[in-house]
Amino acid sequence: MTEHEHRWTTDSTHPTSEGVVIYQRCRCGEHRVALAAPILQAHTSTRPGCR
């Protein structure tokens, strides 16, 4: 097999307490599993005087 730059496509994503698990594959048949850091949401308030 010749060397190539992988072109990853995402098969599925799954949110977990550790982050988002991402299952990906390349057209050459290779697979990988990646973990993305969790997305932290900022708390906002619409009430006057609240922080």
C-alpha atoms as a PDB file:
ATOM      1  CA  MET A   1       0.000   0.000   0.000  1.00  0.00           C
ATOM      2  CA  THR A   2       1.277   3.469  -0.835  1.00  0.00           C
ATOM      3  CA  GLU A   3       1.515   6.284   1.672  1.00  0.00           C
ATOM      4  CA  HIS A   4      -1.230   8.892   1.558  1.00  0.00           C
ATOM      5  CA  GLU A   5      -2.744  11.662   3.627  1.00  0.00           C
ATOM      6  CA  HIS A   6      -5.772  10.263   5.419  1.00  0.00           C
ATOM      7  CA  ARG A   7      -9.106  11.888   4.639  1.00  0.00           C
ATOM      8  CA  TRP A   8     -11.147  11.176   7.743  1.00  0.00           C
ATOM      9  CA  THR A   9     -14.926  11.101   7.625  1.00  0.00           C
ATOM     10  CA  THR A  10     -16.992  10.855  10.776  1.00  0.00           C
ATOM     11  CA  ASP A  11     -19.188   7.778  11.108  1.00  0.00           C
ATOM     12  CA  SER A  12     -20.701   8.744  14.468  1.00  0.00           C
ATOM     13  CA  THR A  13     -20.264  10.916  17.545  1.00  0.00           C
ATOM     14  CA  HIS A  14     -21.255  10.146  21.128  1.00  0.00           C
ATOM     15  CA  PRO A  15     -21.266  12.666  23.996  1.00  0.00           C
ATOM     16  CA  THR A  16     -19.850  11.284  27.252  1.00  0.00           C
ATOM     17  CA  SER A  17     -18.832  12.705  30.622  1.00  0.00           C
ATOM     18  CA  GLU A  18     -15.213  12.757  29.370  1.00  0.00           C
ATOM     19  CA  GLY A  19     -15.982  14.585  26.123  1.00  0.00           C
ATOM     20  CA  VAL A  20     -17.275  13.579  22.710  1.00  0.00           C
ATOM     21  CA  VAL A  21     -16.139  10.226  21.302  1.00  0.00           C
ATOM     22  CA  ILE A  22     -15.769  10.414  17.512  1.00  0.00           C
ATOM     23  CA  TYR A  23     -15.599   7.305  15.303  1.00  0.00           C
ATOM     24  CA  GLN A  24     -13.927   8.046  11.967  1.00  0.00           C
ATOM     25  CA  ARG A  25     -12.742   6.155   8.882  1.00  0.00           C
ATOM     26  CA  CYS A  26     -10.517   6.831   5.909  1.00  0.00           C
ATOM     27  CA  ARG A  27     -11.196   5.776   2.346  1.00  0.00           C
ATOM     28  CA  CYS A  28      -8.209   3.392   2.610  1.00  0.00           C
ATOM     29  CA  GLY A  29     -10.116   1.356   5.203  1.00  0.00           C
ATOM     30  CA  GLU A  30      -8.282   2.541   8.320  1.00  0.00           C
ATOM     31  CA  HIS A  31     -10.402   3.510  11.335  1.00  0.00           C
ATOM     32  CA  ARG A  32      -9.720   5.695  14.357  1.00  0.00           C
ATOM     33  CA  VAL A  33     -11.468   6.808  17.506  1.00  0.00           C
ATOM     34  CA  ALA A  34     -10.902  10.352  18.738  1.00  0.00           C
ATOM     35  CA  LEU A  35     -11.920  12.103  21.945  1.00  0.00           C
ATOM     36  CA  ALA A  36     -12.806  15.798  21.817  1.00  0.00           C
ATOM     37  CA  ALA A  37     -12.802  17.803  25.037  1.00  0.00           C
ATOM     38  CA  PRO A  38     -16.222  18.534  26.496  1.00  0.00           C
ATOM     39  CA  ILE A  39     -17.806  21.820  25.491  1.00  0.00           C
ATOM     40  CA  LEU A  40     -18.366  24.016  28.515  1.00  0.00           C
ATOM     41  CA  GLN A  41     -21.436  26.195  28.355  1.00  0.00           C
ATOM     42  CA  ALA A  42     -21.353  29.591  29.973  1.00  0.00           C
ATOM     43  CA  HIS A  43     -24.125  30.388  32.412  1.00  0.00           C
ATOM     44  CA  THR A  44     -26.049  33.507  31.500  1.00  0.00           C
ATOM     45  CA  SER A  45     -28.763  35.283  33.391  1.00  0.00           C
ATOM     46  CA  THR A  46     -31.452  37.584  32.075  1.00  0.00           C
ATOM     47  CA  ARG A  47     -32.422  38.916  35.499  1.00  0.00           C
ATOM     48  CA  PRO A  48     -31.127  42.381  36.404  1.00  0.00           C
ATOM     49  CA  GLY A  49     -28.540  42.369  39.180  1.00  0.00           C
ATOM     50  CA  CYS A  50     -27.640  38.694  38.789  1.00  0.00           C
ATOM     51  CA  ARG A  51     -24.095  37.652  38.003  1.00  0.00           C
END
